[in-house]
Amino acid sequence: MNAAARHLLAVPGGVLQLLRYTVGRHAFDDVARLERYLHHFGARRLVHGHTPHGGDEPAAAHDGRVVSYDGRFSRFWTRDEGDTSGPVGATIALLPPLETAEA
C-alpha cells in the first residue's frame, strides 16, 4: 500500500486519486475494493468518519462491513443556524455485531 501511495504522490493529480481511494466519501462503495482492503489489513470491517451521517445511529453498508461513524464529534459545531448536531449515540457507542453466515 505504501508503494502504491508513493507512486500516486509522484504523478500529477495523484494526490486527489490517493485521497479518493483511501479517505474519500465513496472510497468503499465498490465491494471489490472493500474486499481487497479488508484482506490486506486482515480486518473484518472498516469504520470511518468522513461526512456526518445525520442519523441516530451510524450508517452501515455491505452487511455491516463498512460503518460510517461520524455524528459530528464536536457537539457544538454546526454549519447553519438551526443545524444541530446529532445524538451522542451517533458519535460514541458500541459497534453493532457483524452478521455471521452459517456454513
N, C-alpha and C. Protein backbone atom coordinates (compact mmCIF):
# COMPACT_ATOMS: atom_id res chain seq x y z
N MET A 1 0.83 -1.18 0.00
CA MET A 1 0.00 0.00 0.00
C MET A 1 0.87 1.25 0.00
N ASN A 2 1.95 1.25 0.78
CA ASN A 2 2.83 2.41 0.81
C ASN A 2 3.46 2.68 -0.55
N ALA A 3 3.85 1.62 -1.26
CA ALA A 3 4.46 1.80 -2.57
C ALA A 3 3.45 2.40 -3.55
N ALA A 4 2.21 1.94 -3.49
CA ALA A 4 1.17 2.48 -4.37
C ALA A 4 0.90 3.95 -4.04
N ALA A 5 0.86 4.28 -2.76
CA ALA A 5 0.65 5.68 -2.36
C ALA A 5 1.82 6.54 -2.81
N ARG A 6 3.03 6.06 -2.64
CA ARG A 6 4.22 6.80 -3.05
C ARG A 6 4.17 7.06 -4.56
N HIS A 7 3.76 6.06 -5.33
CA HIS A 7 3.65 6.22 -6.79
C HIS A 7 2.64 7.31 -7.13
N LEU A 8 1.46 7.26 -6.50
CA LEU A 8 0.43 8.26 -6.79
C LEU A 8 0.88 9.66 -6.41
N LEU A 9 1.62 9.79 -5.33
CA LEU A 9 2.09 11.11 -4.90
C LEU A 9 3.12 11.70 -5.86
N ALA A 10 3.72 10.86 -6.70
CA ALA A 10 4.75 11.31 -7.62
C ALA A 10 4.21 11.72 -8.99
N VAL A 11 2.93 11.52 -9.24
CA VAL A 11 2.37 11.85 -10.56
C VAL A 11 1.37 13.00 -10.43
N PRO A 12 1.26 13.83 -11.49
CA PRO A 12 0.29 14.92 -11.45
C PRO A 12 -1.13 14.39 -11.20
N GLY A 13 -1.82 15.00 -10.28
CA GLY A 13 -3.19 14.58 -9.96
C GLY A 13 -3.26 13.37 -9.05
N GLY A 14 -2.12 12.82 -8.71
CA GLY A 14 -2.11 11.60 -7.90
C GLY A 14 -2.61 11.79 -6.49
N VAL A 15 -2.40 12.98 -5.93
CA VAL A 15 -2.86 13.24 -4.56
C VAL A 15 -4.37 13.07 -4.48
N LEU A 16 -5.10 13.65 -5.43
CA LEU A 16 -6.56 13.53 -5.41
C LEU A 16 -7.00 12.08 -5.57
N GLN A 17 -6.33 11.35 -6.46
CA GLN A 17 -6.68 9.94 -6.65
C GLN A 17 -6.41 9.15 -5.37
N LEU A 18 -5.29 9.41 -4.72
CA LEU A 18 -4.97 8.73 -3.47
C LEU A 18 -6.02 9.02 -2.41
N LEU A 19 -6.41 10.27 -2.30
CA LEU A 19 -7.43 10.63 -1.32
C LEU A 19 -8.75 9.93 -1.62
N ARG A 20 -9.14 9.88 -2.88
CA ARG A 20 -10.39 9.19 -3.24
C ARG A 20 -10.34 7.72 -2.84
N TYR A 21 -9.20 7.09 -3.03
CA TYR A 21 -9.07 5.66 -2.74
C TYR A 21 -8.99 5.35 -1.25
N THR A 22 -8.54 6.31 -0.46
CA THR A 22 -8.31 5.99 0.95
C THR A 22 -9.25 6.67 1.93
N VAL A 23 -9.62 7.90 1.68
CA VAL A 23 -10.47 8.60 2.63
C VAL A 23 -11.68 9.27 2.00
N GLY A 24 -11.85 9.11 0.72
CA GLY A 24 -12.97 9.74 0.03
C GLY A 24 -14.31 9.24 0.54
N ARG A 25 -15.30 10.07 0.40
CA ARG A 25 -16.64 9.76 0.89
C ARG A 25 -17.17 8.43 0.34
N HIS A 26 -16.84 8.12 -0.90
CA HIS A 26 -17.35 6.89 -1.51
C HIS A 26 -16.24 5.88 -1.78
N ALA A 27 -15.15 5.97 -1.03
CA ALA A 27 -13.98 5.12 -1.27
C ALA A 27 -14.31 3.63 -1.19
N PHE A 28 -15.29 3.26 -0.39
CA PHE A 28 -15.57 1.84 -0.20
C PHE A 28 -16.96 1.44 -0.66
N ASP A 29 -17.51 2.21 -1.60
CA ASP A 29 -18.77 1.81 -2.23
C ASP A 29 -18.56 0.57 -3.09
N ASP A 30 -17.37 0.46 -3.67
CA ASP A 30 -17.01 -0.66 -4.53
C ASP A 30 -16.66 -1.87 -3.65
N VAL A 31 -17.49 -2.91 -3.72
CA VAL A 31 -17.30 -4.10 -2.87
C VAL A 31 -15.94 -4.76 -3.12
N ALA A 32 -15.51 -4.82 -4.38
CA ALA A 32 -14.22 -5.45 -4.68
C ALA A 32 -13.08 -4.70 -4.00
N ARG A 33 -13.14 -3.37 -4.02
CA ARG A 33 -12.10 -2.58 -3.35
C ARG A 33 -12.15 -2.82 -1.84
N LEU A 34 -13.35 -2.86 -1.29
CA LEU A 34 -13.50 -3.13 0.14
C LEU A 34 -12.90 -4.48 0.49
N GLU A 35 -13.20 -5.51 -0.29
CA GLU A 35 -12.67 -6.85 -0.03
C GLU A 35 -11.14 -6.85 -0.03
N ARG A 36 -10.54 -6.18 -1.02
CA ARG A 36 -9.08 -6.12 -1.10
C ARG A 36 -8.50 -5.40 0.12
N TYR A 37 -9.13 -4.32 0.51
CA TYR A 37 -8.67 -3.52 1.65
C TYR A 37 -8.74 -4.34 2.93
N LEU A 38 -9.88 -4.97 3.18
CA LEU A 38 -10.03 -5.78 4.39
C LEU A 38 -9.04 -6.94 4.40
N HIS A 39 -8.89 -7.59 3.26
CA HIS A 39 -7.95 -8.71 3.17
C HIS A 39 -6.51 -8.24 3.44
N HIS A 40 -6.14 -7.12 2.84
CA HIS A 40 -4.78 -6.60 3.00
C HIS A 40 -4.45 -6.34 4.47
N PHE A 41 -5.40 -5.81 5.22
CA PHE A 41 -5.15 -5.48 6.61
C PHE A 41 -5.61 -6.56 7.59
N GLY A 42 -6.12 -7.67 7.07
CA GLY A 42 -6.57 -8.75 7.94
C GLY A 42 -7.73 -8.33 8.82
N ALA A 43 -8.60 -7.50 8.27
CA ALA A 43 -9.73 -6.95 9.04
C ALA A 43 -11.05 -7.54 8.57
N ARG A 44 -12.05 -7.46 9.44
CA ARG A 44 -13.39 -7.92 9.08
C ARG A 44 -14.32 -6.77 8.73
N ARG A 45 -13.98 -5.57 9.20
CA ARG A 45 -14.80 -4.40 8.85
C ARG A 45 -13.97 -3.13 8.94
N LEU A 46 -14.50 -2.10 8.32
CA LEU A 46 -13.86 -0.80 8.27
C LEU A 46 -14.79 0.23 8.89
N VAL A 47 -14.28 0.99 9.81
CA VAL A 47 -15.06 2.07 10.43
C VAL A 47 -14.39 3.37 10.04
N HIS A 48 -15.16 4.28 9.49
CA HIS A 48 -14.59 5.57 9.09
C HIS A 48 -15.56 6.69 9.40
N GLY A 49 -15.02 7.88 9.47
CA GLY A 49 -15.82 9.08 9.63
C GLY A 49 -15.34 10.10 8.64
N HIS A 50 -16.19 10.51 7.76
CA HIS A 50 -15.79 11.49 6.75
C HIS A 50 -16.79 12.62 6.69
N THR A 51 -18.03 12.27 6.52
CA THR A 51 -19.11 13.24 6.43
C THR A 51 -20.16 12.84 7.45
N PRO A 52 -20.62 13.75 8.28
CA PRO A 52 -21.64 13.37 9.26
C PRO A 52 -22.82 12.67 8.59
N HIS A 53 -23.21 11.52 9.15
CA HIS A 53 -24.28 10.74 8.55
C HIS A 53 -25.65 11.27 8.90
N GLY A 54 -25.77 12.02 9.98
CA GLY A 54 -27.03 12.69 10.29
C GLY A 54 -28.10 11.84 10.95
N GLY A 55 -27.87 10.55 11.11
CA GLY A 55 -28.86 9.68 11.72
C GLY A 55 -28.63 9.51 13.21
N ASP A 56 -29.55 8.77 13.84
CA ASP A 56 -29.42 8.48 15.27
C ASP A 56 -28.38 7.40 15.54
N GLU A 57 -28.03 6.64 14.52
CA GLU A 57 -27.04 5.57 14.63
C GLU A 57 -26.09 5.66 13.45
N PRO A 58 -24.93 5.04 13.55
CA PRO A 58 -24.00 5.03 12.42
C PRO A 58 -24.65 4.36 11.20
N ALA A 59 -24.25 4.83 10.03
CA ALA A 59 -24.74 4.23 8.79
C ALA A 59 -23.84 3.04 8.44
N ALA A 60 -24.44 1.92 8.07
CA ALA A 60 -23.67 0.72 7.71
C ALA A 60 -23.98 0.31 6.28
N ALA A 61 -23.00 -0.32 5.64
CA ALA A 61 -23.16 -0.81 4.28
C ALA A 61 -22.45 -2.15 4.16
N HIS A 62 -22.74 -2.84 3.07
CA HIS A 62 -22.08 -4.12 2.77
C HIS A 62 -22.15 -5.08 3.96
N ASP A 63 -23.37 -5.34 4.42
CA ASP A 63 -23.62 -6.28 5.52
C ASP A 63 -22.87 -5.90 6.80
N GLY A 64 -22.75 -4.60 7.05
CA GLY A 64 -22.10 -4.12 8.27
C GLY A 64 -20.59 -4.09 8.22
N ARG A 65 -20.01 -4.40 7.07
CA ARG A 65 -18.55 -4.41 6.97
C ARG A 65 -17.96 -3.01 6.82
N VAL A 66 -18.79 -2.04 6.41
CA VAL A 66 -18.37 -0.64 6.36
C VAL A 66 -19.32 0.14 7.25
N VAL A 67 -18.77 0.87 8.20
CA VAL A 67 -19.60 1.66 9.11
C VAL A 67 -19.14 3.11 9.05
N SER A 68 -20.07 3.99 8.72
CA SER A 68 -19.80 5.43 8.71
C SER A 68 -20.17 5.96 10.08
N TYR A 69 -19.16 6.31 10.84
CA TYR A 69 -19.36 6.68 12.24
C TYR A 69 -18.95 8.13 12.44
N ASP A 70 -19.68 9.04 11.86
CA ASP A 70 -19.37 10.45 12.00
C ASP A 70 -20.64 11.20 12.35
N GLY A 71 -20.90 11.32 13.63
CA GLY A 71 -22.09 12.03 14.10
C GLY A 71 -21.76 13.43 14.57
N ARG A 72 -20.73 14.03 13.99
CA ARG A 72 -20.23 15.35 14.38
C ARG A 72 -19.71 15.29 15.81
N PHE A 73 -18.51 14.82 15.93
CA PHE A 73 -17.93 14.61 17.26
C PHE A 73 -18.04 15.86 18.12
N SER A 74 -17.80 17.02 17.55
CA SER A 74 -17.98 18.24 18.32
C SER A 74 -19.47 18.52 18.44
N ARG A 75 -19.99 18.47 19.62
CA ARG A 75 -21.42 18.69 19.85
C ARG A 75 -21.78 20.16 19.61
N PHE A 76 -20.79 21.02 19.39
CA PHE A 76 -21.05 22.45 19.28
C PHE A 76 -20.87 22.98 17.87
N TRP A 77 -20.47 22.15 16.93
CA TRP A 77 -20.23 22.60 15.57
C TRP A 77 -21.49 22.48 14.75
N THR A 78 -21.84 23.53 14.07
CA THR A 78 -22.94 23.49 13.11
C THR A 78 -22.57 24.36 11.93
N ARG A 79 -23.17 24.09 10.79
CA ARG A 79 -22.91 24.89 9.60
C ARG A 79 -23.89 26.06 9.51
N ASP A 80 -25.13 25.76 9.69
CA ASP A 80 -26.17 26.77 9.52
C ASP A 80 -26.96 26.94 10.81
N GLU A 81 -27.57 28.10 10.96
CA GLU A 81 -28.40 28.33 12.12
C GLU A 81 -29.51 27.29 12.14
N GLY A 82 -29.72 26.68 13.29
CA GLY A 82 -30.74 25.64 13.41
C GLY A 82 -30.25 24.25 13.03
N ASP A 83 -29.05 24.15 12.47
CA ASP A 83 -28.46 22.86 12.10
C ASP A 83 -27.76 22.31 13.33
N THR A 84 -28.39 21.36 13.99
CA THR A 84 -27.84 20.86 15.25
C THR A 84 -27.07 19.57 15.06
N SER A 85 -26.24 19.28 16.01
CA SER A 85 -25.52 18.01 15.97
C SER A 85 -26.46 16.89 16.38
N GLY A 86 -26.14 15.69 15.97
CA GLY A 86 -26.99 14.54 16.27
C GLY A 86 -26.82 14.06 17.69
N PRO A 87 -27.54 13.01 18.07
CA PRO A 87 -27.43 12.46 19.41
C PRO A 87 -26.05 11.86 19.65
N VAL A 88 -25.62 11.84 20.90
CA VAL A 88 -24.29 11.34 21.22
C VAL A 88 -24.11 9.89 20.76
N GLY A 89 -25.18 9.09 20.71
CA GLY A 89 -25.10 7.71 20.25
C GLY A 89 -24.71 7.59 18.79
N ALA A 90 -24.83 8.68 18.05
CA ALA A 90 -24.40 8.67 16.65
C ALA A 90 -22.90 8.89 16.54
N THR A 91 -22.27 9.25 17.64
CA THR A 91 -20.85 9.53 17.65
C THR A 91 -20.05 8.54 18.49
N ILE A 92 -20.58 8.17 19.65
CA ILE A 92 -19.84 7.29 20.56
C ILE A 92 -20.77 6.18 21.02
N ALA A 93 -20.49 4.97 20.61
CA ALA A 93 -21.30 3.82 21.00
C ALA A 93 -20.58 2.54 20.60
N LEU A 94 -21.06 1.42 21.07
CA LEU A 94 -20.53 0.13 20.64
C LEU A 94 -20.96 -0.12 19.21
N LEU A 95 -20.10 -0.77 18.45
CA LEU A 95 -20.47 -1.13 17.09
C LEU A 95 -21.48 -2.27 17.13
N PRO A 96 -22.42 -2.29 16.18
CA PRO A 96 -23.34 -3.42 16.13
C PRO A 96 -22.57 -4.68 15.74
N PRO A 97 -23.03 -5.86 16.18
CA PRO A 97 -22.32 -7.09 15.83
C PRO A 97 -22.40 -7.36 14.33
N LEU A 98 -21.36 -8.00 13.81
CA LEU A 98 -21.38 -8.43 12.42
C LEU A 98 -22.30 -9.63 12.28
N GLU A 99 -23.03 -9.67 11.20
CA GLU A 99 -23.84 -10.85 10.91
C GLU A 99 -22.88 -11.94 10.44
N THR A 100 -23.01 -13.13 10.97
CA THR A 100 -22.13 -14.22 10.55
C THR A 100 -22.94 -15.22 9.75
N ALA A 101 -22.37 -15.63 8.64
CA ALA A 101 -23.02 -16.61 7.79
C ALA A 101 -22.75 -18.01 8.34
N GLU A 102 -23.78 -18.80 8.43
CA GLU A 102 -23.60 -20.18 8.89
C GLU A 102 -23.24 -21.06 7.72
N ALA A 103 -22.32 -21.98 7.95
CA ALA A 103 -21.85 -22.87 6.87
C ALA A 103 -22.86 -23.94 6.57
